[in-house]
N, C-alpha and C. Protein backbone atom coordinates (compact mmCIF):
# COMPACT_ATOMS: atom_id res chain seq x y z
N MET A 1 -6.78 -38.48 11.42
CA MET A 1 -5.58 -37.57 9.93
C MET A 1 -4.66 -36.00 10.29
N ASP A 2 -3.62 -36.56 9.93
CA ASP A 2 -2.06 -36.67 10.10
C ASP A 2 -1.95 -34.86 9.64
N MET A 3 -1.93 -33.88 10.14
CA MET A 3 -1.97 -32.40 9.85
C MET A 3 -0.79 -31.78 9.77
N THR A 4 0.30 -32.98 9.63
CA THR A 4 1.47 -32.62 9.36
C THR A 4 1.89 -32.56 7.85
N ALA A 5 1.02 -33.76 7.62
CA ALA A 5 1.35 -34.46 5.62
C ALA A 5 0.67 -33.33 5.24
N ARG A 6 -0.15 -32.55 5.02
CA ARG A 6 -0.97 -31.35 5.08
C ARG A 6 -0.48 -30.31 4.29
N ARG A 7 -0.97 -30.55 3.47
CA ARG A 7 0.21 -29.06 2.88
C ARG A 7 -1.20 -27.72 2.60
N ILE A 8 -0.79 -26.78 2.75
CA ILE A 8 -2.44 -25.45 2.86
C ILE A 8 -2.61 -23.89 2.50
N ASP A 9 -3.34 -24.53 1.35
CA ASP A 9 -3.14 -23.37 0.16
C ASP A 9 -4.35 -22.45 0.68
N ARG A 10 -2.85 -21.50 1.32
CA ARG A 10 -4.45 -19.81 1.93
C ARG A 10 -4.04 -18.82 0.77
N GLY A 11 -4.31 -19.86 -0.22
CA GLY A 11 -4.87 -18.42 -1.56
C GLY A 11 -5.88 -17.40 -1.51
N GLY A 12 -6.14 -16.71 -2.17
CA GLY A 12 -7.43 -15.94 -2.06
C GLY A 12 -7.10 -15.23 -3.30
N LEU A 13 -7.95 -13.06 -2.73
CA LEU A 13 -7.42 -12.53 -3.74
C LEU A 13 -6.68 -11.75 -4.08
N GLY A 14 -6.08 -10.95 -4.37
CA GLY A 14 -5.27 -10.41 -5.46
C GLY A 14 -3.45 -11.32 -4.79
N ALA A 15 -2.56 -11.13 -4.89
CA ALA A 15 -1.31 -11.68 -4.85
C ALA A 15 -1.75 -13.08 -4.46
N PRO A 16 -0.99 -14.80 -4.77
CA PRO A 16 -1.25 -16.19 -4.35
C PRO A 16 -0.43 -16.31 -2.33
N ARG A 17 -0.62 -16.11 -2.18
CA ARG A 17 0.20 -17.25 -1.10
C ARG A 17 0.72 -17.76 -0.79
N PRO A 18 2.26 -17.91 -0.50
CA PRO A 18 3.13 -19.51 -0.60
C PRO A 18 2.03 -20.58 -0.15
N LYS A 19 2.34 -21.89 0.11
CA LYS A 19 1.89 -22.58 0.64
C LYS A 19 2.92 -23.31 1.47
N ILE A 20 1.56 -23.18 3.08
CA ILE A 20 2.89 -23.54 3.86
C ILE A 20 2.77 -24.75 4.40
N HIS A 21 3.68 -26.04 4.94
CA HIS A 21 3.72 -26.78 5.95
C HIS A 21 3.57 -26.35 7.66
N LEU A 22 2.78 -27.33 8.03
CA LEU A 22 2.52 -27.40 9.10
C LEU A 22 3.49 -28.10 10.47
N VAL A 23 4.67 -28.93 9.47
CA VAL A 23 5.41 -29.51 9.56
C VAL A 23 6.81 -27.93 10.78
N GLU A 24 6.73 -26.75 10.12
CA GLU A 24 7.71 -25.64 9.69
C GLU A 24 7.76 -26.15 11.55
N ILE A 25 5.99 -25.71 12.58
CA ILE A 25 5.81 -24.56 12.97
C ILE A 25 6.63 -24.94 15.05
N PRO A 26 6.73 -25.96 15.26
CA PRO A 26 6.76 -26.43 16.52
C PRO A 26 8.28 -26.00 16.82
N ARG A 27 8.45 -25.68 16.89
CA ARG A 27 10.40 -25.72 17.85
C ARG A 27 10.41 -25.97 18.78
N THR A 28 10.21 -26.00 19.93
CA THR A 28 9.86 -26.36 21.49
C THR A 28 9.33 -27.43 21.52
N LEU A 29 8.72 -28.21 20.52
CA LEU A 29 8.68 -29.39 20.73
C LEU A 29 8.63 -30.63 19.52
N ARG A 30 10.24 -30.30 19.83
CA ARG A 30 10.94 -31.22 19.39
C ARG A 30 11.01 -32.32 19.53
N TRP A 31 10.96 -31.86 20.45
CA TRP A 31 11.60 -33.74 21.63
C TRP A 31 10.37 -34.74 21.36
N ILE A 32 9.56 -34.14 20.95
CA ILE A 32 8.14 -34.85 20.46
C ILE A 32 7.89 -35.95 19.10
N SER A 33 8.86 -35.17 18.28
CA SER A 33 9.73 -36.22 17.05
C SER A 33 9.35 -34.81 15.88
N ARG A 34 9.51 -35.34 15.06
CA ARG A 34 10.02 -33.71 13.90
C ARG A 34 8.88 -33.27 13.61
N SER A 35 8.15 -34.01 13.30
CA SER A 35 6.87 -32.88 12.89
C SER A 35 5.20 -33.58 13.41
N ALA A 36 5.37 -32.28 15.12
CA ALA A 36 4.65 -32.57 15.59
C ALA A 36 3.45 -32.34 14.66
N SER A 37 2.51 -32.21 15.20
CA SER A 37 1.19 -32.76 14.75
C SER A 37 0.59 -30.96 15.26
N SER A 38 -1.05 -30.75 14.68
CA SER A 38 -1.58 -29.16 15.71
C SER A 38 -1.75 -30.00 16.47
N PRO A 39 -2.80 -30.92 17.07
CA PRO A 39 -3.09 -30.53 18.70
C PRO A 39 -2.72 -31.04 19.50
N GLN A 40 -0.99 -31.20 18.72
CA GLN A 40 -0.53 -31.68 19.99
C GLN A 40 0.34 -30.24 20.35
N VAL A 41 0.62 -29.15 18.74
CA VAL A 41 0.86 -27.79 19.29
C VAL A 41 -0.76 -26.76 20.46
N MET A 42 -1.34 -27.64 19.77
CA MET A 42 -2.12 -26.50 21.05
C MET A 42 -2.63 -27.25 22.01
N ASN A 43 -1.84 -28.20 22.27
CA ASN A 43 -2.59 -28.80 24.03
C ASN A 43 -1.13 -28.29 24.71
N ILE A 44 0.06 -28.29 24.07
CA ILE A 44 1.24 -28.10 25.08
C ILE A 44 2.48 -26.72 24.56
N GLY A 45 2.00 -26.51 23.90
CA GLY A 45 2.77 -25.34 22.61
C GLY A 45 2.77 -23.68 23.38
N ASP A 46 4.28 -23.46 23.27
CA ASP A 46 3.92 -22.37 23.75
C ASP A 46 4.28 -21.22 23.43
N PHE A 47 3.52 -20.02 23.94
CA PHE A 47 2.67 -19.42 23.34
C PHE A 47 3.30 -18.37 22.12
N ASP A 48 4.53 -18.50 21.52
CA ASP A 48 4.91 -18.24 19.93
C ASP A 48 4.07 -19.11 19.27
N ASP A 49 4.41 -20.67 19.90
CA ASP A 49 4.78 -21.65 18.91
C ASP A 49 2.82 -21.50 18.31
N ILE A 50 2.02 -21.48 19.53
CA ILE A 50 0.20 -21.57 19.43
C ILE A 50 0.80 -20.46 18.28
N GLN A 51 0.89 -18.79 18.57
CA GLN A 51 0.88 -17.67 18.09
C GLN A 51 1.22 -17.56 16.13
N ARG A 52 2.23 -18.78 16.16
CA ARG A 52 3.02 -19.19 14.91
C ARG A 52 1.82 -19.79 14.14
N LEU A 53 0.68 -20.57 15.09
CA LEU A 53 0.20 -21.71 14.43
C LEU A 53 -0.94 -21.25 14.06
N GLU A 54 -1.50 -19.84 14.58
CA GLU A 54 -2.71 -19.65 14.78
C GLU A 54 -2.55 -18.60 13.31
N THR A 55 -1.24 -17.50 12.48
CA THR A 55 -0.79 -16.78 12.26
C THR A 55 -0.86 -17.89 11.25
N LEU A 56 -0.12 -19.47 10.29
CA LEU A 56 -0.55 -19.79 9.02
C LEU A 56 -1.03 -20.96 9.06
N ALA A 57 -2.07 -21.20 10.13
CA ALA A 57 -2.45 -22.54 10.04
C ALA A 57 -4.68 -21.36 10.18
N GLY A 58 -5.01 -20.48 10.88
CA GLY A 58 -6.06 -19.85 10.85
C GLY A 58 -6.85 -20.61 11.89
N ASN A 59 -7.66 -19.92 12.37
CA ASN A 59 -9.12 -20.28 13.06
C ASN A 59 -10.02 -21.39 12.83
N ASP A 60 -10.51 -21.43 10.89
CA ASP A 60 -11.11 -22.29 11.35
C ASP A 60 -9.39 -23.36 11.07
N MET A 61 -9.32 -23.61 10.43
CA MET A 61 -8.34 -24.92 10.64
C MET A 61 -7.89 -25.84 11.98
N LEU A 62 -7.72 -24.84 12.48
CA LEU A 62 -8.58 -24.68 13.81
C LEU A 62 -9.66 -25.78 14.63
N ILE A 63 -10.27 -24.38 14.16
CA ILE A 63 -11.32 -25.49 14.63
C ILE A 63 -12.14 -26.48 14.01
N GLU A 64 -11.70 -26.38 12.73
CA GLU A 64 -11.40 -28.46 12.55
C GLU A 64 -10.53 -29.75 13.40
N VAL A 65 -9.44 -29.05 13.55
CA VAL A 65 -8.84 -29.91 14.63
C VAL A 65 -8.99 -30.58 15.71
N LEU A 66 -10.34 -29.64 16.03
CA LEU A 66 -11.04 -30.56 17.65
C LEU A 66 -12.61 -30.42 17.30
N THR A 67 -12.76 -30.02 16.56
CA THR A 67 -14.03 -30.84 15.20
C THR A 67 -13.54 -32.15 14.99
N HIS A 68 -12.09 -32.55 15.14
CA HIS A 68 -11.60 -34.07 14.52
C HIS A 68 -10.56 -34.93 15.77
N ALA A 69 -10.10 -33.82 16.70
CA ALA A 69 -10.07 -34.57 18.01
C ALA A 69 -10.13 -35.98 17.93
N GLU A 70 -8.64 -36.85 18.58
CA GLU A 70 -8.61 -38.22 18.61
C GLU A 70 -8.27 -38.55 20.43
N ILE A 71 -9.15 -39.42 20.88
CA ILE A 71 -8.63 -39.54 22.01
C ILE A 71 -7.54 -39.26 22.42
N GLY A 72 -7.53 -38.97 23.94
CA GLY A 72 -6.75 -38.56 24.03
C GLY A 72 -5.12 -37.04 23.58
N GLN A 73 -5.98 -36.29 22.48
CA GLN A 73 -5.04 -35.56 21.92
C GLN A 73 -4.86 -34.29 22.31
N PHE A 74 -5.82 -33.61 23.80
CA PHE A 74 -6.20 -32.71 24.35
C PHE A 74 -6.16 -33.40 25.95
N THR A 75 -5.92 -31.93 26.68
CA THR A 75 -5.76 -32.18 28.91
C THR A 75 -7.04 -31.39 28.38
N PRO A 76 -7.86 -31.92 29.33
CA PRO A 76 -9.25 -30.83 29.15
C PRO A 76 -9.07 -29.47 29.86
N ARG A 77 -8.05 -29.12 30.16
CA ARG A 77 -7.77 -27.88 30.20
C ARG A 77 -7.39 -27.08 28.74
N SER A 78 -6.99 -27.91 28.20
CA SER A 78 -6.13 -26.88 26.61
C SER A 78 -7.94 -27.01 25.89
N TRP A 79 -8.60 -28.44 26.47
CA TRP A 79 -9.52 -28.97 25.53
C TRP A 79 -10.56 -27.19 25.32
N THR A 80 -10.32 -26.98 26.72
CA THR A 80 -11.92 -25.54 27.40
C THR A 80 -10.57 -24.42 26.75
N TYR A 81 -10.53 -24.17 26.70
CA TYR A 81 -9.45 -23.50 26.41
C TYR A 81 -9.41 -23.04 25.35
N TRP A 82 -9.30 -23.79 24.28
CA TRP A 82 -9.67 -24.31 22.86
C TRP A 82 -10.77 -23.62 22.57
N HIS A 83 -12.05 -24.28 23.02
CA HIS A 83 -13.38 -24.36 22.68
C HIS A 83 -13.10 -22.82 23.53
N TYR A 84 -13.07 -21.89 24.27
CA TYR A 84 -13.23 -21.01 24.33
C TYR A 84 -12.75 -20.08 23.63
N ARG A 85 -11.22 -20.12 23.53
CA ARG A 85 -10.32 -19.02 22.79
C ARG A 85 -11.11 -18.65 20.31
N LEU A 86 -11.06 -19.39 20.80
CA LEU A 86 -11.95 -19.78 18.75
C LEU A 86 -13.54 -19.40 18.54
N GLY A 87 -14.10 -19.34 19.87
CA GLY A 87 -15.38 -18.47 19.99
C GLY A 87 -16.39 -20.26 19.61
N ILE A 88 -16.39 -21.48 20.48
CA ILE A 88 -16.94 -22.32 19.84
C ILE A 88 -17.87 -22.86 20.95
N ALA A 89 -18.00 -22.43 22.05
CA ALA A 89 -18.58 -22.94 23.31
C ALA A 89 -18.65 -21.29 24.16
N ASP A 90 -19.81 -21.31 24.70
CA ASP A 90 -19.53 -20.28 25.72
C ASP A 90 -19.41 -21.01 27.22
N ILE A 91 -19.34 -20.37 28.07
CA ILE A 91 -19.35 -20.61 29.06
C ILE A 91 -19.75 -21.43 30.05
N ASP A 92 -19.68 -22.93 30.57
CA ASP A 92 -19.90 -23.66 30.44
C ASP A 92 -20.74 -24.80 29.65
N GLN A 93 -20.51 -24.26 28.48
CA GLN A 93 -21.10 -25.51 27.60
C GLN A 93 -19.95 -25.99 26.63
N VAL A 94 -18.56 -26.74 27.06
CA VAL A 94 -18.12 -27.30 26.38
C VAL A 94 -18.23 -28.48 26.38
N PRO A 95 -17.67 -28.84 24.83
CA PRO A 95 -18.34 -30.15 24.89
C PRO A 95 -17.58 -31.53 25.36
N PRO A 96 -18.06 -32.01 25.70
CA PRO A 96 -16.82 -33.34 26.27
C PRO A 96 -15.89 -33.43 25.51
N LEU A 97 -14.24 -34.41 26.46
CA LEU A 97 -13.17 -34.55 25.73
C LEU A 97 -14.06 -35.60 24.87
N PRO A 98 -12.86 -36.10 23.50
CA PRO A 98 -13.53 -37.76 22.81
C PRO A 98 -13.17 -38.58 23.61
N SER A 99 -13.31 -39.63 23.79
CA SER A 99 -14.21 -40.16 24.66
C SER A 99 -13.89 -41.71 23.78
N ARG A 100 -13.89 -43.10 24.00
CA ARG A 100 -14.12 -44.75 23.09
C ARG A 100 -15.37 -44.80 24.19
N ARG A 101 -16.60 -44.22 23.46
CA ARG A 101 -17.85 -45.28 23.30
C ARG A 101 -17.86 -47.19 23.32
N PHE A 102 -19.01 -47.37 24.62
CA PHE A 102 -18.80 -48.70 23.91
C PHE A 102 -20.90 -48.83 23.96
N VAL A 103 -20.39 -49.87 23.58
CA VAL A 103 -21.76 -50.75 22.26
C VAL A 103 -22.48 -51.77 23.25
């Protein structure tokens, strides 16, 4: 799924929050495309890009991105980093990167 086209309604109790577009996030990734996806930001974004992505999308969405990651979207380093940062893997318990399966 292309995360850039998805609108996120972060409404909750109290005043309604504005809907946000993830396309607004990647300022340093413009050379990739005009609307870099969340996995691209998570994989090669700088500190500011990542902070903004976390603020706008929230940890639940970032976990969803990892859960549905496709082959080649993450390097081994960023894959491991995000599993640790989001608290979804213990030390030395990171699941393998997505790969092709031959039946």
